[in-house]
Amino acid sequence: MTVIREPLLMPVAIEDLRPTQLTVGRREVEIKRKAWRDRSKTKERKFLGRHTIPVIHGPKNHFYIIDHHHLALALHEEGVKEVLVTTYANLSMLDSTLFWETMDARSWVYPFDANGKRRDYKAIPKRLRDMVDDPFRSLAGELRRIGGFSKETAPFSEFQWADFLRRRVKKILVEKQFTHALEKALGLAKSQDAIYLPGWCGPSPED
């Protein structure tokens, strides 16, 4: 995805930021919350200065996040009021229908629910705190951290991995025995079945 950023940074209230996806991995959010609590006040300010949130300026002067949903939600839940945003594109002149169609065409929206099913754009919540948990997104995030696949610039790559794992790992295993589920996920990630996914790092040692 090639985009041109406007160099202007501006503070925006996290409460006013709108998501472009229905779900997050709650485990991922909690990891980021803990990391925030472990920082000193000085490091907090430096962190916020370095980690800007990419947004699209949309209709009715709303700002839509196109990345870092987990971080923004974690900061919000930790009481941070504002973040710096970088505007990737100004689509404020479009009506709602054309706005979402344009967002979809540019891979700036992921309208899929916690079961991996595509939903209408209207199902996307208007507030970050209303996104629901997808445990497979947490599994995919942890899988990347342990080297199951590499970080990619492809839009929503972790969600692609989440959907791959969703079809192969039982949900109850992810919810009740996360470590076991992660071990199984790592084996699946190194298999030829995952070769089409962004960041694939196979083959498995057995191949």
Protein backbone atom coordinates (compact mmCIF):
# COMPACT_ATOMS: atom_id res chain seq x y z
CA MET A 1 0.00 0.00 0.00
CA THR A 2 1.54 3.32 -1.10
CA VAL A 3 0.30 6.43 0.61
CA ILE A 4 1.47 10.01 0.88
CA ARG A 5 1.37 11.45 4.36
CA GLU A 6 0.65 15.07 5.07
CA PRO A 7 3.53 16.29 7.23
CA LEU A 8 1.20 18.07 9.66
CA LEU A 9 0.81 16.42 13.06
CA MET A 10 -2.08 17.41 15.27
CA PRO A 11 -3.48 16.32 18.65
CA VAL A 12 -6.89 14.66 18.61
CA ALA A 13 -8.94 13.36 21.53
CA ILE A 14 -8.84 9.54 21.54
CA GLU A 15 -12.54 9.57 22.41
CA ASP A 16 -13.23 11.22 19.03
CA LEU A 17 -11.22 8.76 16.92
CA ARG A 18 -13.26 6.26 14.92
CA PRO A 19 -12.15 2.67 14.21
CA THR A 20 -12.07 1.05 10.79
CA GLN A 21 -12.44 -2.50 12.11
CA LEU A 22 -14.93 -4.33 14.31
CA THR A 23 -12.56 -6.26 16.54
CA VAL A 24 -9.32 -6.22 18.48
CA GLY A 25 -7.40 -8.85 20.41
CA ARG A 26 -8.05 -8.04 24.07
CA ARG A 27 -4.88 -9.87 25.08
CA GLU A 28 -2.95 -7.54 22.77
CA VAL A 29 -4.58 -4.50 24.34
CA GLU A 30 -3.70 -5.68 27.85
CA ILE A 31 -0.05 -6.20 26.86
CA LYS A 32 0.10 -2.62 25.61
CA ARG A 33 -1.63 -1.32 28.73
CA LYS A 34 0.94 -3.03 30.94
CA ALA A 35 3.81 -1.66 28.85
CA TRP A 36 2.37 1.83 29.26
CA ARG A 37 2.07 1.48 33.04
CA ASP A 38 5.70 0.34 33.23
CA ARG A 39 6.97 3.58 31.63
CA SER A 40 8.12 6.61 33.56
CA LYS A 41 6.36 9.94 32.97
CA THR A 42 9.30 11.15 30.89
CA LYS A 43 9.24 8.03 28.75
CA GLU A 44 5.47 8.37 28.36
CA ARG A 45 5.86 11.80 26.76
CA LYS A 46 8.62 10.57 24.45
CA PHE A 47 6.55 7.53 23.48
CA LEU A 48 3.53 9.63 22.56
CA GLY A 49 5.75 11.95 20.53
CA ARG A 50 7.19 9.04 18.52
CA HIS A 51 4.05 6.96 18.05
CA THR A 52 1.61 8.91 15.92
CA ILE A 53 -1.73 7.43 14.87
CA PRO A 54 -2.43 7.32 11.11
CA VAL A 55 -5.90 8.57 10.24
CA ILE A 56 -8.17 9.42 7.34
CA HIS A 57 -10.07 12.70 7.54
CA GLY A 58 -13.60 11.59 6.78
CA PRO A 59 -17.10 13.04 6.35
CA LYS A 60 -18.49 15.33 9.08
CA ASN A 61 -14.94 16.08 10.17
CA HIS A 62 -14.43 12.65 11.78
CA PHE A 63 -10.98 11.04 11.93
CA TYR A 64 -10.76 7.33 11.16
CA ILE A 65 -7.84 5.22 12.42
CA ILE A 66 -6.25 2.99 9.78
CA ASP A 67 -3.61 1.41 12.04
CA HIS A 68 -2.62 1.07 15.72
CA HIS A 69 -6.14 0.36 16.99
CA HIS A 70 -4.77 -1.73 19.85
CA LEU A 71 -2.40 1.00 20.96
CA ALA A 72 -5.02 3.74 20.78
CA LEU A 73 -7.50 1.66 22.77
CA ALA A 74 -4.88 0.74 25.36
CA LEU A 75 -3.93 4.39 25.84
CA HIS A 76 -7.60 5.34 26.11
CA GLU A 77 -8.20 2.73 28.80
CA GLU A 78 -5.13 3.98 30.67
CA GLY A 79 -6.59 7.47 30.83
CA VAL A 80 -4.64 9.17 28.03
CA LYS A 81 -6.85 11.89 26.58
CA GLU A 82 -5.08 12.87 23.35
CA VAL A 83 -2.71 11.42 20.77
CA LEU A 84 -0.91 12.89 17.81
CA VAL A 85 -2.33 11.86 14.45
CA THR A 86 -0.94 11.89 10.92
CA THR A 87 -3.50 12.46 8.17
CA TYR A 88 -2.95 10.03 5.30
CA ALA A 89 -5.77 11.35 3.14
CA ASN A 90 -8.57 13.89 3.25
CA LEU A 91 -11.83 12.27 2.14
CA SER A 92 -14.07 14.65 4.05
CA MET A 93 -15.75 15.81 0.84
CA LEU A 94 -17.24 12.35 0.14
CA ASP A 95 -20.67 11.13 1.19
CA SER A 96 -20.83 8.14 3.51
CA THR A 97 -21.35 5.52 0.79
CA LEU A 98 -18.50 6.69 -1.42
CA PHE A 99 -16.27 7.20 1.62
CA TRP A 100 -16.54 3.57 2.74
CA GLU A 101 -16.24 2.26 -0.82
CA THR A 102 -13.05 4.29 -1.24
CA MET A 103 -11.71 3.10 2.11
CA ASP A 104 -12.37 -0.50 1.10
CA ALA A 105 -10.77 -0.08 -2.32
CA ARG A 106 -7.60 1.23 -0.66
CA SER A 107 -7.56 -1.49 2.03
CA TRP A 108 -8.12 1.08 4.79
CA VAL A 109 -11.05 -0.76 6.39
CA TYR A 110 -11.55 -4.32 7.64
CA PRO A 111 -15.29 -4.95 8.06
CA PHE A 112 -15.10 -8.50 9.45
CA ASP A 113 -16.50 -9.68 12.77
CA ALA A 114 -15.07 -11.96 15.47
CA ASN A 115 -16.13 -15.01 13.44
CA GLY A 116 -14.29 -13.84 10.36
CA LYS A 117 -17.53 -12.95 8.57
CA ARG A 118 -17.79 -9.82 6.45
CA ARG A 119 -20.31 -7.30 7.74
CA ASP A 120 -21.90 -4.13 6.45
CA TYR A 121 -19.88 -0.97 7.03
CA LYS A 122 -22.62 0.18 9.43
CA ALA A 123 -21.54 -2.59 11.82
CA ILE A 124 -18.20 -0.87 12.41
CA PRO A 125 -18.44 0.82 15.83
CA LYS A 126 -18.17 4.58 16.15
CA ARG A 127 -15.98 4.39 19.26
CA LEU A 128 -12.80 2.47 19.96
CA ARG A 129 -14.14 1.08 23.21
CA ASP A 130 -17.01 -0.61 21.37
CA MET A 131 -14.78 -2.92 19.35
CA VAL A 132 -15.24 -6.54 20.43
CA ASP A 133 -12.68 -9.18 21.28
CA ASP A 134 -11.39 -11.63 18.70
CA PRO A 135 -9.18 -14.14 20.56
CA PHE A 136 -7.67 -15.32 17.29
CA ARG A 137 -6.34 -11.82 16.65
CA SER A 138 -4.53 -12.10 19.99
CA LEU A 139 -3.21 -15.51 19.00
CA ALA A 140 -1.91 -14.11 15.72
CA GLY A 141 -0.25 -11.21 17.51
CA GLU A 142 1.55 -13.47 19.96
CA LEU A 143 2.50 -15.81 17.13
CA ARG A 144 4.25 -12.94 15.35
CA ARG A 145 6.07 -11.94 18.54
CA ILE A 146 7.60 -15.40 18.93
CA GLY A 147 8.71 -15.52 15.29
CA GLY A 148 5.85 -17.46 13.73
CA PHE A 149 5.72 -14.92 10.92
CA SER A 150 7.44 -11.62 10.19
CA LYS A 151 5.93 -8.17 10.53
CA GLU A 152 4.60 -6.95 7.20
CA THR A 153 3.36 -3.67 5.78
CA ALA A 154 0.45 -5.47 4.11
CA PRO A 155 -2.84 -4.08 5.48
CA PHE A 156 -4.43 -6.14 8.26
CA SER A 157 -1.86 -8.94 7.92
CA GLU A 158 -2.43 -10.11 11.51
CA PHE A 159 -6.13 -10.50 10.76
CA GLN A 160 -5.28 -12.68 7.76
CA TRP A 161 -3.28 -14.90 10.09
CA ALA A 162 -6.12 -14.83 12.62
CA ASP A 163 -8.54 -16.14 10.00
CA PHE A 164 -6.06 -18.83 8.97
CA LEU A 165 -5.77 -20.00 12.59
CA ARG A 166 -9.52 -19.68 13.18
CA ARG A 167 -10.13 -22.48 10.69
CA ARG A 168 -7.56 -24.79 12.30
CA VAL A 169 -7.48 -24.17 16.05
CA LYS A 170 -10.48 -24.63 18.34
CA LYS A 171 -11.68 -21.42 19.94
CA ILE A 172 -12.01 -23.02 23.37
CA LEU A 173 -8.33 -23.96 23.22
CA VAL A 174 -7.38 -20.34 22.55
CA GLU A 175 -9.60 -19.11 25.37
CA LYS A 176 -8.71 -21.73 27.99
CA GLN A 177 -5.21 -22.98 27.09
CA PHE A 178 -3.54 -20.13 25.25
CA THR A 179 0.00 -21.53 25.53
CA HIS A 180 -1.10 -24.85 24.04
CA ALA A 181 -2.96 -23.03 21.28
CA LEU A 182 0.16 -20.97 20.55
CA GLU A 183 2.29 -24.10 20.22
CA LYS A 184 -0.19 -25.51 17.72
CA ALA A 185 -0.33 -22.18 15.89
CA LEU A 186 3.45 -22.12 15.54
CA GLY A 187 3.44 -25.52 13.88
CA LEU A 188 0.71 -24.42 11.51
CA ALA A 189 2.56 -21.19 10.70
CA LYS A 190 5.63 -23.13 9.53
CA SER A 191 3.61 -25.47 7.34
CA GLN A 192 3.06 -25.22 3.60
CA ASP A 193 -0.61 -24.48 4.28
CA ALA A 194 0.38 -20.97 5.37
CA ILE A 195 2.67 -20.19 2.43
CA TYR A 196 0.21 -17.68 0.92
CA LEU A 197 0.07 -15.49 4.03
CA PRO A 198 2.07 -12.25 4.44
CA GLY A 199 5.27 -12.73 6.43
CA TRP A 200 5.37 -16.52 6.09
CA CYS A 201 8.63 -17.88 7.50
CA GLY A 202 8.43 -21.58 6.64
CA PRO A 203 9.12 -24.32 5.85
CA SER A 204 8.70 -26.30 9.03
CA PRO A 205 11.70 -28.27 10.37
CA GLU A 206 10.04 -31.53 9.28
CA ASP A 207 9.90 -30.51 5.61
